PDB file of all heavy atoms in Angstrom:
ATOM      1  N   TRP A   1      93.982  90.582 100.012  1.00  0.00           N
ATOM      2  CA  TRP A   1      95.286  91.210 100.148  1.00  0.00           C
ATOM      3  C   TRP A   1      95.192  92.589 100.768  1.00  0.00           C
ATOM      4  O   TRP A   1      96.143  93.081 101.370  1.00  0.00           O
ATOM      5  CB  TRP A   1      95.968  91.298  98.775  1.00  0.00           C
ATOM      6  CG  TRP A   1      95.181  92.079  97.759  1.00  0.00           C
ATOM      7  CD1 TRP A   1      94.336  91.559  96.847  1.00  0.00           C
ATOM      8  CD2 TRP A   1      95.156  93.488  97.574  1.00  0.00           C
ATOM      9  NE1 TRP A   1      93.769  92.548  96.085  1.00  0.00           N
ATOM     10  CE2 TRP A   1      94.262  93.756  96.515  1.00  0.00           C
ATOM     11  CE3 TRP A   1      95.789  94.572  98.182  1.00  0.00           C
ATOM     12  CZ2 TRP A   1      93.995  95.029  96.057  1.00  0.00           C
ATOM     13  CZ3 TRP A   1      95.523  95.842  97.727  1.00  0.00           C
ATOM     14  CH2 TRP A   1      94.637  96.069  96.677  1.00  0.00           C
ATOM     15  N   ALA A   2      94.017  93.214 100.633  1.00  0.00           N
ATOM     16  CA  ALA A   2      93.869  94.575 101.157  1.00  0.00           C
ATOM     17  C   ALA A   2      93.517  94.589 102.628  1.00  0.00           C
ATOM     18  O   ALA A   2      93.613  95.624 103.282  1.00  0.00           O
ATOM     19  CB  ALA A   2      92.806  95.317 100.363  1.00  0.00           C
ATOM     20  N   ARG A   3      93.077  93.484 103.176  1.00  0.00           N
ATOM     21  CA  ARG A   3      92.674  93.465 104.589  1.00  0.00           C
ATOM     22  C   ARG A   3      93.859  93.394 105.533  1.00  0.00           C
ATOM     23  O   ARG A   3      93.736  93.672 106.711  1.00  0.00           O
ATOM     24  CB  ARG A   3      91.749  92.279 104.836  1.00  0.00           C
ATOM     25  CG  ARG A   3      90.444  92.375 104.069  1.00  0.00           C
ATOM     26  CD  ARG A   3      89.582  91.165 104.286  1.00  0.00           C
ATOM     27  NE  ARG A   3      88.357  91.244 103.483  1.00  0.00           N
ATOM     28  CZ  ARG A   3      87.451  90.281 103.387  1.00  0.00           C
ATOM     29  NH1 ARG A   3      87.632  89.147 104.034  1.00  0.00           N
ATOM     30  NH2 ARG A   3      86.377  90.443 102.639  1.00  0.00           N
ATOM     31  N   GLU A   4      94.995  93.044 105.035  1.00  0.00           N
ATOM     32  CA  GLU A   4      96.162  92.881 105.893  1.00  0.00           C
ATOM     33  C   GLU A   4      97.124  94.057 105.786  1.00  0.00           C
ATOM     34  O   GLU A   4      98.113  94.097 106.504  1.00  0.00           O
ATOM     35  CB  GLU A   4      96.891  91.590 105.510  1.00  0.00           C
ATOM     36  CG  GLU A   4      96.014  90.350 105.622  1.00  0.00           C
ATOM     37  CD  GLU A   4      96.724  89.110 105.110  1.00  0.00           C
ATOM     38  OE1 GLU A   4      97.885  89.269 104.646  1.00  0.00           O
ATOM     39  OE2 GLU A   4      96.139  88.027 105.180  1.00  0.00           O
ATOM     40  N   LEU A   5      96.862  95.007 104.904  1.00  0.00           N
ATOM     41  CA  LEU A   5      97.776  96.126 104.706  1.00  0.00           C
ATOM     42  C   LEU A   5      97.357  97.326 105.543  1.00  0.00           C
ATOM     43  O   LEU A   5      96.211  97.433 105.982  1.00  0.00           O
ATOM     44  CB  LEU A   5      97.814  96.518 103.221  1.00  0.00           C
ATOM     45  CG  LEU A   5      98.255  95.418 102.235  1.00  0.00           C
ATOM     46  CD1 LEU A   5      98.172  95.942 100.820  1.00  0.00           C
ATOM     47  CD2 LEU A   5      99.664  94.956 102.541  1.00  0.00           C
ATOM     48  N   SER A   6      98.277  98.230 105.743  1.00  0.00           N
ATOM     49  CA  SER A   6      97.979  99.474 106.450  1.00  0.00           C
ATOM     50  C   SER A   6      97.207 100.410 105.521  1.00  0.00           C
ATOM     51  O   SER A   6      97.208 100.227 104.295  1.00  0.00           O
ATOM     52  CB  SER A   6      99.285 100.137 106.895  1.00  0.00           C
ATOM     53  OG  SER A   6     100.067 100.472 105.766  1.00  0.00           O
ATOM     54  N   PRO A   7      96.523 101.420 106.063  1.00  0.00           N
ATOM     55  CA  PRO A   7      95.760 102.339 105.198  1.00  0.00           C
ATOM     56  C   PRO A   7      96.616 103.023 104.138  1.00  0.00           C
ATOM     57  O   PRO A   7      96.165 103.225 103.006  1.00  0.00           O
ATOM     58  CB  PRO A   7      95.178 103.346 106.192  1.00  0.00           C
ATOM     59  CG  PRO A   7      95.126 102.624 107.489  1.00  0.00           C
ATOM     60  CD  PRO A   7      96.297 101.690 107.475  1.00  0.00           C
ATOM     61  N   GLU A   8      97.864 103.392 104.477  1.00  0.00           N
ATOM     62  CA  GLU A   8      98.720 104.037 103.486  1.00  0.00           C
ATOM     63  C   GLU A   8      99.081 103.090 102.349  1.00  0.00           C
ATOM     64  O   GLU A   8      99.068 103.462 101.166  1.00  0.00           O
ATOM     65  CB  GLU A   8      99.993 104.565 104.162  1.00  0.00           C
ATOM     66  CG  GLU A   8      99.759 105.697 105.152  1.00  0.00           C
ATOM     67  CD  GLU A   8      99.274 105.204 106.494  1.00  0.00           C
ATOM     68  OE1 GLU A   8      99.259 103.967 106.705  1.00  0.00           O
ATOM     69  OE2 GLU A   8      98.880 106.048 107.334  1.00  0.00           O
ATOM     70  N   GLU A   9      99.385 101.825 102.700  1.00  0.00           N
ATOM     71  CA  GLU A   9      99.738 100.848 101.669  1.00  0.00           C
ATOM     72  C   GLU A   9      98.531 100.500 100.802  1.00  0.00           C
ATOM     73  O   GLU A   9      98.668 100.278  99.593  1.00  0.00           O
ATOM     74  CB  GLU A   9     100.303  99.592 102.323  1.00  0.00           C
ATOM     75  CG  GLU A   9     101.647  99.811 103.006  1.00  0.00           C
ATOM     76  CD  GLU A   9     102.135  98.567 103.715  1.00  0.00           C
ATOM     77  OE1 GLU A   9     101.327  97.620 103.842  1.00  0.00           O
ATOM     78  OE2 GLU A   9     103.297  98.542 104.140  1.00  0.00           O
ATOM     79  N   LYS A  10      97.351 100.442 101.426  1.00  0.00           N
ATOM     80  CA  LYS A  10      96.138 100.176 100.645  1.00  0.00           C
ATOM     81  C   LYS A  10      95.927 101.269  99.597  1.00  0.00           C
ATOM     82  O   LYS A  10      95.657 100.994  98.422  1.00  0.00           O
ATOM     83  CB  LYS A  10      94.920 100.115 101.570  1.00  0.00           C
ATOM     84  CG  LYS A  10      94.865  98.896 102.455  1.00  0.00           C
ATOM     85  CD  LYS A  10      93.631  98.969 103.329  1.00  0.00           C
ATOM     86  CE  LYS A  10      93.624  97.860 104.364  1.00  0.00           C
ATOM     87  NZ  LYS A  10      92.453  97.956 105.259  1.00  0.00           N
ATOM     88  N   GLU A  11      96.048 102.526 100.040  1.00  0.00           N
ATOM     89  CA  GLU A  11      95.831 103.639  99.117  1.00  0.00           C
ATOM     90  C   GLU A  11      96.871 103.634  98.000  1.00  0.00           C
ATOM     91  O   GLU A  11      96.549 103.869  96.831  1.00  0.00           O
ATOM     92  CB  GLU A  11      95.886 104.949  99.889  1.00  0.00           C
ATOM     93  CG  GLU A  11      95.562 106.165  99.045  1.00  0.00           C
ATOM     94  CD  GLU A  11      95.559 107.430  99.866  1.00  0.00           C
ATOM     95  OE1 GLU A  11      95.694 107.345 101.103  1.00  0.00           O
ATOM     96  OE2 GLU A  11      95.435 108.512  99.259  1.00  0.00           O
ATOM     97  N   LYS A  12      98.115 103.330  98.364  1.00  0.00           N
ATOM     98  CA  LYS A  12      99.168 103.295  97.355  1.00  0.00           C
ATOM     99  C   LYS A  12      98.916 102.192  96.332  1.00  0.00           C
ATOM    100  O   LYS A  12      99.096 102.387  95.123  1.00  0.00           O
ATOM    101  CB  LYS A  12     100.502 103.092  98.063  1.00  0.00           C
ATOM    102  CG  LYS A  12     101.701 103.152  97.123  1.00  0.00           C
ATOM    103  CD  LYS A  12     102.983 102.999  97.912  1.00  0.00           C
ATOM    104  CE  LYS A  12     104.195 103.037  96.962  1.00  0.00           C
ATOM    105  NZ  LYS A  12     105.472 102.870  97.716  1.00  0.00           N
ATOM    106  N   ARG A  13      98.469 101.022  96.805  1.00  0.00           N
ATOM    107  CA  ARG A  13      98.231  99.911  95.889  1.00  0.00           C
ATOM    108  C   ARG A  13      97.023 100.163  94.997  1.00  0.00           C
ATOM    109  O   ARG A  13      97.028  99.840  93.800  1.00  0.00           O
ATOM    110  CB  ARG A  13      98.038  98.623  96.689  1.00  0.00           C
ATOM    111  CG  ARG A  13      98.009  97.372  95.840  1.00  0.00           C
ATOM    112  CD  ARG A  13      98.338  96.181  96.656  1.00  0.00           C
ATOM    113  NE  ARG A  13      98.359  94.975  95.846  1.00  0.00           N
ATOM    114  CZ  ARG A  13      98.724  93.785  96.284  1.00  0.00           C
ATOM    115  NH1 ARG A  13      99.131  93.649  97.549  1.00  0.00           N
ATOM    116  NH2 ARG A  13      98.714  92.730  95.499  1.00  0.00           N
ATOM    117  N   LEU A  14      95.989 100.765  95.578  1.00  0.00           N
ATOM    118  CA  LEU A  14      94.803 101.058  94.772  1.00  0.00           C
ATOM    119  C   LEU A  14      95.080 102.154  93.752  1.00  0.00           C
ATOM    120  O   LEU A  14      94.541 102.131  92.643  1.00  0.00           O
ATOM    121  CB  LEU A  14      93.645 101.466  95.684  1.00  0.00           C
ATOM    122  CG  LEU A  14      93.046 100.340  96.532  1.00  0.00           C
ATOM    123  CD1 LEU A  14      92.043 100.895  97.527  1.00  0.00           C
ATOM    124  CD2 LEU A  14      92.372  99.304  95.648  1.00  0.00           C
ATOM    125  N   ARG A  15      95.909 103.131  94.124  1.00  0.00           N
ATOM    126  CA  ARG A  15      96.262 104.170  93.154  1.00  0.00           C
ATOM    127  C   ARG A  15      97.072 103.594  91.994  1.00  0.00           C
ATOM    128  O   ARG A  15      96.914 104.015  90.847  1.00  0.00           O
ATOM    129  CB  ARG A  15      97.049 105.278  93.846  1.00  0.00           C
ATOM    130  CG  ARG A  15      96.210 106.190  94.713  1.00  0.00           C
ATOM    131  CD  ARG A  15      97.034 107.337  95.244  1.00  0.00           C
ATOM    132  NE  ARG A  15      96.265 108.175  96.150  1.00  0.00           N
ATOM    133  CZ  ARG A  15      95.444 109.147  95.766  1.00  0.00           C
ATOM    134  NH1 ARG A  15      95.292 109.390  94.472  1.00  0.00           N
ATOM    135  NH2 ARG A  15      94.775 109.861  96.644  1.00  0.00           N
ATOM    136  N   SER A  16      97.951 102.632  92.302  1.00  0.00           N
ATOM    137  CA  SER A  16      98.727 102.012  91.235  1.00  0.00           C
ATOM    138  C   SER A  16      97.856 101.174  90.301  1.00  0.00           C
ATOM    139  O   SER A  16      98.180 101.008  89.125  1.00  0.00           O
ATOM    140  CB  SER A  16      99.825 101.130  91.837  1.00  0.00           C
ATOM    141  OG  SER A  16      99.234 100.082  92.604  1.00  0.00           O
ATOM    142  N   SER A  17      96.735 100.663  90.830  1.00  0.00           N
ATOM    143  CA  SER A  17      95.838  99.878  89.980  1.00  0.00           C
ATOM    144  C   SER A  17      94.916 100.748  89.134  1.00  0.00           C
ATOM    145  O   SER A  17      94.161 100.235  88.319  1.00  0.00           O
ATOM    146  CB  SER A  17      94.986  98.931  90.844  1.00  0.00           C
ATOM    147  OG  SER A  17      94.150  99.673  91.699  1.00  0.00           O
ATOM    148  N   GLY A  18      94.957 102.067  89.346  1.00  0.00           N
ATOM    149  CA  GLY A  18      94.172 102.967  88.510  1.00  0.00           C
ATOM    150  C   GLY A  18      92.926 103.506  89.170  1.00  0.00           C
ATOM    151  O   GLY A  18      92.169 104.249  88.556  1.00  0.00           O
ATOM    152  N   THR A  19      92.682 103.177  90.455  1.00  0.00           N
ATOM    153  CA  THR A  19      91.505 103.679  91.160  1.00  0.00           C
ATOM    154  C   THR A  19      91.753 105.123  91.593  1.00  0.00           C
ATOM    155  O   THR A  19      92.756 105.409  92.250  1.00  0.00           O
ATOM    156  CB  THR A  19      91.189 102.816  92.390  1.00  0.00           C
ATOM    157  OG1 THR A  19      91.101 101.457  91.973  1.00  0.00           O
ATOM    158  CG2 THR A  19      89.884 103.255  93.031  1.00  0.00           C
ATOM    159  N   VAL A  20      90.880 106.014  91.230  1.00  0.00           N
ATOM    160  CA  VAL A  20      91.032 107.445  91.522  1.00  0.00           C
ATOM    161  C   VAL A  20      90.201 107.779  92.746  1.00  0.00           C
ATOM    162  O   VAL A  20      89.007 107.474  92.806  1.00  0.00           O
ATOM    163  CB  VAL A  20      90.598 108.311  90.323  1.00  0.00           C
ATOM    164  CG1 VAL A  20      90.780 109.783  90.646  1.00  0.00           C
ATOM    165  CG2 VAL A  20      91.397 107.923  89.085  1.00  0.00           C
ATOM    166  N   PHE A  21      90.828 108.401  93.743  1.00  0.00           N
ATOM    167  CA  PHE A  21      90.152 108.812  94.963  1.00  0.00           C
ATOM    168  C   PHE A  21      89.866 110.305  94.893  1.00  0.00           C
ATOM    169  O   PHE A  21      90.752 111.093  94.556  1.00  0.00           O
ATOM    170  CB  PHE A  21      91.013 108.522  96.197  1.00  0.00           C
ATOM    171  CG  PHE A  21      91.160 107.066  96.501  1.00  0.00           C
ATOM    172  CD1 PHE A  21      92.206 106.338  95.958  1.00  0.00           C
ATOM    173  CD2 PHE A  21      90.256 106.421  97.312  1.00  0.00           C
ATOM    174  CE1 PHE A  21      92.354 105.007  96.234  1.00  0.00           C
ATOM    175  CE2 PHE A  21      90.395 105.088  97.596  1.00  0.00           C
ATOM    176  CZ  PHE A  21      91.442 104.364  97.056  1.00  0.00           C
ATOM    177  N   PRO A  22      88.638 110.733  95.218  1.00  0.00           N
ATOM    178  CA  PRO A  22      88.364 112.177  95.241  1.00  0.00           C
ATOM    179  C   PRO A  22      89.091 112.857  96.390  1.00  0.00           C
ATOM    180  O   PRO A  22      89.188 112.303  97.493  1.00  0.00           O
ATOM    181  CB  PRO A  22      86.840 112.251  95.435  1.00  0.00           C
ATOM    182  CG  PRO A  22      86.489 110.959  96.079  1.00  0.00           C
ATOM    183  CD  PRO A  22      87.457 109.932  95.563  1.00  0.00           C
ATOM    184  N   GLU A  23      89.612 114.039  96.145  1.00  0.00           N
ATOM    185  CA  GLU A  23      90.338 114.764  97.186  1.00  0.00           C
ATOM    186  C   GLU A  23      89.371 115.286  98.238  1.00  0.00           C
ATOM    187  O   GLU A  23      88.309 115.816  97.927  1.00  0.00           O
ATOM    188  CB  GLU A  23      91.119 115.921  96.566  1.00  0.00           C
ATOM    189  CG  GLU A  23      92.194 115.476  95.592  1.00  0.00           C
ATOM    190  CD  GLU A  23      92.983 116.651  95.065  1.00  0.00           C
ATOM    191  OE1 GLU A  23      92.712 117.781  95.520  1.00  0.00           O
ATOM    192  OE2 GLU A  23      93.854 116.433  94.206  1.00  0.00           O
ATOM    193  N   GLU A  24      89.760 115.143  99.490  1.00  0.00           N
ATOM    194  CA  GLU A  24      88.927 115.584 100.608  1.00  0.00           C
ATOM    195  C   GLU A  24      89.294 117.028 100.947  1.00  0.00           C
ATOM    196  O   GLU A  24      90.441 117.326 101.279  1.00  0.00           O
ATOM    197  CB  GLU A  24      89.147 114.686 101.825  1.00  0.00           C
ATOM    198  CG  GLU A  24      88.696 113.246 101.590  1.00  0.00           C
ATOM    199  CD  GLU A  24      88.866 112.403 102.841  1.00  0.00           C
ATOM    200  OE1 GLU A  24      89.309 112.975 103.857  1.00  0.00           O
ATOM    201  OE2 GLU A  24      88.557 111.210 102.784  1.00  0.00           O
ATOM    202  N   HIS A  25      88.314 117.894 100.861  1.00  0.00           N
ATOM    203  CA  HIS A  25      88.499 119.309 101.187  1.00  0.00           C
ATOM    204  C   HIS A  25      87.722 119.616 102.460  1.00  0.00           C
ATOM    205  O   HIS A  25      86.510 119.356 102.541  1.00  0.00           O
ATOM    206  CB  HIS A  25      88.010 120.206 100.055  1.00  0.00           C
ATOM    207  CG  HIS A  25      88.752 119.995  98.764  1.00  0.00           C
ATOM    208  ND1 HIS A  25      90.007 120.510  98.525  1.00  0.00           N
ATOM    209  CD2 HIS A  25      88.414 119.308  97.642  1.00  0.00           C
ATOM    210  CE1 HIS A  25      90.414 120.168  97.321  1.00  0.00           C
ATOM    211  NE2 HIS A  25      89.464 119.436  96.765  1.00  0.00           N
ATOM    212  N   ILE A  26      88.407 120.134 103.453  1.00  0.00           N
ATOM    213  CA  ILE A  26      87.755 120.536 104.695  1.00  0.00           C
ATOM    214  C   ILE A  26      87.211 121.948 104.488  1.00  0.00           C
ATOM    215  O   ILE A  26      87.961 122.928 104.511  1.00  0.00           O
ATOM    216  CB  ILE A  26      88.735 120.473 105.875  1.00  0.00           C
ATOM    217  CG1 ILE A  26      89.287 119.052 106.021  1.00  0.00           C
ATOM    218  CG2 ILE A  26      88.050 120.926 107.159  1.00  0.00           C
ATOM    219  CD1 ILE A  26      90.351 118.917 107.089  1.00  0.00           C
ATOM    220  N   GLU A  27      85.919 122.039 104.269  1.00  0.00           N
ATOM    221  CA  GLU A  27      85.300 123.327 103.992  1.00  0.00           C
ATOM    222  C   GLU A  27      84.871 124.003 105.291  1.00  0.00           C
ATOM    223  O   GLU A  27      84.419 123.343 106.230  1.00  0.00           O
ATOM    224  CB  GLU A  27      84.100 123.151 103.065  1.00  0.00           C
ATOM    225  CG  GLU A  27      84.479 122.584 101.699  1.00  0.00           C
ATOM    226  CD  GLU A  27      83.285 122.459 100.789  1.00  0.00           C
ATOM    227  OE1 GLU A  27      82.170 122.738 101.268  1.00  0.00           O
ATOM    228  OE2 GLU A  27      83.465 122.089  99.624  1.00  0.00           O
ATOM    229  N   ARG A  28      84.979 125.290 105.312  1.00  0.00           N
ATOM    230  CA  ARG A  28      84.626 126.069 106.495  1.00  0.00           C
ATOM    231  C   ARG A  28      83.921 127.337 106.052  1.00  0.00           C
ATOM    232  O   ARG A  28      84.318 127.960 105.061  1.00  0.00           O
ATOM    233  CB  ARG A  28      85.895 126.416 107.285  1.00  0.00           C
ATOM    234  CG  ARG A  28      85.634 127.233 108.537  1.00  0.00           C
ATOM    235  CD  ARG A  28      86.949 127.571 109.218  1.00  0.00           C
ATOM    236  NE  ARG A  28      86.764 128.454 110.346  1.00  0.00           N
ATOM    237  CZ  ARG A  28      87.752 128.996 111.029  1.00  0.00           C
ATOM    238  NH1 ARG A  28      88.990 128.750 110.700  1.00  0.00           N
ATOM    239  NH2 ARG A  28      87.498 129.803 112.051  1.00  0.00           N
ATOM    240  N   THR A  29      82.889 127.692 106.791  1.00  0.00           N
ATOM    241  CA  THR A  29      82.143 128.905 106.459  1.00  0.00           C
ATOM    242  C   THR A  29      83.026 130.132 106.682  1.00  0.00           C
ATOM    243  O   THR A  29      83.659 130.275 107.725  1.00  0.00           O
ATOM    244  CB  THR A  29      80.881 129.003 107.327  1.00  0.00           C
ATOM    245  OG1 THR A  29      80.114 127.803 107.180  1.00  0.00           O
ATOM    246  CG2 THR A  29      80.036 130.180 106.896  1.00  0.00           C
ATOM    247  N   PHE A  30      83.060 130.988 105.686  1.00  0.00           N
ATOM    248  CA  PHE A  30      83.923 132.175 105.757  1.00  0.00           C
ATOM    249  C   PHE A  30      83.086 133.398 105.425  1.00  0.00           C
ATOM    250  O   PHE A  30      82.404 133.445 104.399  1.00  0.00           O
ATOM    251  CB  PHE A  30      85.093 132.054 104.763  1.00  0.00           C
ATOM    252  CG  PHE A  30      86.042 133.203 104.820  1.00  0.00           C
ATOM    253  CD1 PHE A  30      86.959 133.311 105.834  1.00  0.00           C
ATOM    254  CD2 PHE A  30      86.011 134.194 103.849  1.00  0.00           C
ATOM    255  CE1 PHE A  30      87.845 134.375 105.879  1.00  0.00           C
ATOM    256  CE2 PHE A  30      86.880 135.260 103.890  1.00  0.00           C
ATOM    257  CZ  PHE A  30      87.807 135.348 104.913  1.00  0.00           C
ATOM    258  N   TYR A  31      83.098 134.374 106.320  1.00  0.00           N
ATOM    259  CA  TYR A  31      82.362 135.613 106.131  1.00  0.00           C
ATOM    260  C   TYR A  31      83.352 136.715 105.747  1.00  0.00           C
ATOM    261  O   TYR A  31      84.334 136.963 106.461  1.00  0.00           O
ATOM    262  CB  TYR A  31      81.621 136.004 107.405  1.00  0.00           C
ATOM    263  CG  TYR A  31      80.526 135.055 107.804  1.00  0.00           C
ATOM    264  CD1 TYR A  31      80.743 134.081 108.759  1.00  0.00           C
ATOM    265  CD2 TYR A  31      79.258 135.124 107.221  1.00  0.00           C
ATOM    266  CE1 TYR A  31      79.745 133.202 109.129  1.00  0.00           C
ATOM    267  CE2 TYR A  31      78.256 134.251 107.581  1.00  0.00           C
ATOM    268  CZ  TYR A  31      78.506 133.290 108.539  1.00  0.00           C
ATOM    269  OH  TYR A  31      77.514 132.415 108.903  1.00  0.00           O
ATOM    270  N   LEU A  32      83.084 137.354 104.636  1.00  0.00           N
ATOM    271  CA  LEU A  32      83.942 138.466 104.233  1.00  0.00           C
ATOM    272  C   LEU A  32      83.657 139.718 105.048  1.00  0.00           C
ATOM    273  O   LEU A  32      84.465 140.634 105.089  1.00  0.00           O
ATOM    274  CB  LEU A  32      83.744 138.772 102.747  1.00  0.00           C
ATOM    275  CG  LEU A  32      84.380 137.786 101.761  1.00  0.00           C
ATOM    276  CD1 LEU A  32      84.020 138.169 100.349  1.00  0.00           C
ATOM    277  CD2 LEU A  32      85.898 137.762 101.934  1.00  0.00           C
ATOM    278  N   ALA A  33      82.480 139.761 105.686  1.00  0.00           N
ATOM    279  CA  ALA A  33      82.117 140.966 106.424  1.00  0.00           C
ATOM    280  C   ALA A  33      82.886 141.111 107.728  1.00  0.00           C
ATOM    281  O   ALA A  33      82.935 142.202 108.298  1.00  0.00           O
ATOM    282  CB  ALA A  33      80.612 140.969 106.715  1.00  0.00           C
ATOM    283  N   CYS A  34      83.490 140.020 108.225  1.00  0.00           N
ATOM    284  CA  CYS A  34      84.231 140.101 109.478  1.00  0.00           C
ATOM    285  C   CYS A  34      85.292 139.010 109.504  1.00  0.00           C
ATOM    286  O   CYS A  34      85.278 138.084 108.692  1.00  0.00           O
ATOM    287  CB  CYS A  34      83.304 139.978 110.694  1.00  0.00           C
ATOM    288  SG  CYS A  34      82.695 138.308 110.982  1.00  0.00           S
ATOM    289  N   THR A  35      86.209 139.122 110.448  1.00  0.00           N
ATOM    290  CA  THR A  35      87.257 138.116 110.631  1.00  0.00           C
ATOM    291  C   THR A  35      86.789 137.081 111.654  1.00  0.00           C
ATOM    292  O   THR A  35      85.801 137.271 112.351  1.00  0.00           O
ATOM    293  CB  THR A  35      88.557 138.775 111.109  1.00  0.00           C
ATOM    294  OG1 THR A  35      88.300 139.465 112.351  1.00  0.00           O
ATOM    295  CG2 THR A  35      89.064 139.771 110.089  1.00  0.00           C
ATOM    296  N   ALA A  36      87.546 135.990 111.711  1.00  0.00           N
ATOM    297  CA  ALA A  36      87.178 134.899 112.613  1.00  0.00           C
ATOM    298  C   ALA A  36      87.817 135.031 113.987  1.00  0.00           C
ATOM    299  O   ALA A  36      87.507 134.238 114.883  1.00  0.00           O
ATOM    300  CB  ALA A  36      87.565 133.557 111.996  1.00  0.00           C
ATOM    301  N   ASP A  37      88.685 136.000 114.178  1.00  0.00           N
ATOM    302  CA  ASP A  37      89.366 136.136 115.465  1.00  0.00           C
ATOM    303  C   ASP A  37      89.830 137.579 115.636  1.00  0.00           C
ATOM    304  O   ASP A  37      89.658 138.415 114.738  1.00  0.00           O
ATOM    305  CB  ASP A  37      90.559 135.183 115.538  1.00  0.00           C
ATOM    306  CG  ASP A  37      90.891 134.800 116.971  1.00  0.00           C
ATOM    307  OD1 ASP A  37      90.325 135.414 117.889  1.00  0.00           O
ATOM    308  OD2 ASP A  37      91.732 133.902 117.165  1.00  0.00           O
ATOM    309  N   ILE A  38      90.441 137.842 116.780  1.00  0.00           N
ATOM    310  CA  ILE A  38      90.972 139.173 117.074  1.00  0.00           C
ATOM    311  C   ILE A  38      92.409 139.243 116.574  1.00  0.00           C
ATOM    312  O   ILE A  38      93.226 138.370 116.876  1.00  0.00           O
ATOM    313  CB  ILE A  38      90.893 139.476 118.577  1.00  0.00           C
ATOM    314  CG1 ILE A  38      89.432 139.459 119.035  1.00  0.00           C
ATOM    315  CG2 ILE A  38      91.536 140.816 118.895  1.00  0.00           C
ATOM    316  CD1 ILE A  38      89.254 139.636 120.531  1.00  0.00           C
ATOM    317  N   ILE A  39      92.723 140.257 115.781  1.00  0.00           N
ATOM    318  CA  ILE A  39      94.056 140.426 115.202  1.00  0.00           C
ATOM    319  C   ILE A  39      95.001 140.972 116.279  1.00  0.00           C
ATOM    320  O   ILE A  39      94.766 142.052 116.823  1.00  0.00           O
ATOM    321  CB  ILE A  39      94.016 141.381 114.000  1.00  0.00           C
ATOM    322  CG1 ILE A  39      92.989 140.897 112.968  1.00  0.00           C
ATOM    323  CG2 ILE A  39      95.379 141.526 113.374  1.00  0.00           C
ATOM    324  CD1 ILE A  39      92.717 141.897 111.865  1.00  0.00           C
ATOM    325  N   ASP A  40      96.052 140.217 116.558  1.00  0.00           N
ATOM    326  CA  ASP A  40      97.061 140.650 117.537  1.00  0.00           C
ATOM    327  C   ASP A  40      96.379 141.217 118.785  1.00  0.00           C
ATOM    328  O   ASP A  40      96.429 142.430 119.050  1.00  0.00           O
ATOM    329  CB  ASP A  40      97.983 141.698 116.910  1.00  0.00           C
ATOM    330  CG  ASP A  40      99.169 142.032 117.810  1.00  0.00           C
ATOM    331  OD1 ASP A  40      99.417 141.276 118.767  1.00  0.00           O
ATOM    332  OD2 ASP A  40      99.823 143.069 117.561  1.00  0.00           O
ATOM    333  N   PRO A  41      95.720 140.367 119.568  1.00  0.00           N
ATOM    334  CA  PRO A  41      94.918 140.882 120.691  1.00  0.00           C
ATOM    335  C   PRO A  41      95.738 141.695 121.691  1.00  0.00           C
ATOM    336  O   PRO A  41      96.909 141.403 121.949  1.00  0.00           O
ATOM    337  CB  PRO A  41      94.362 139.602 121.335  1.00  0.00           C
ATOM    338  CG  PRO A  41      95.222 138.507 120.848  1.00  0.00           C
ATOM    339  CD  PRO A  41      95.733 138.909 119.512  1.00  0.00           C
TER     340      PRO A  41
END
């Protein structure tokens, strides 16, 4: 039944069945010593 559904419907159906998905965090290196760009160039 899961092979014919769209990714959103699959996730919704699996969440309703009690399957917990870990949240995806896009991590990025951040330096406090400097900024990543020029402020108002």
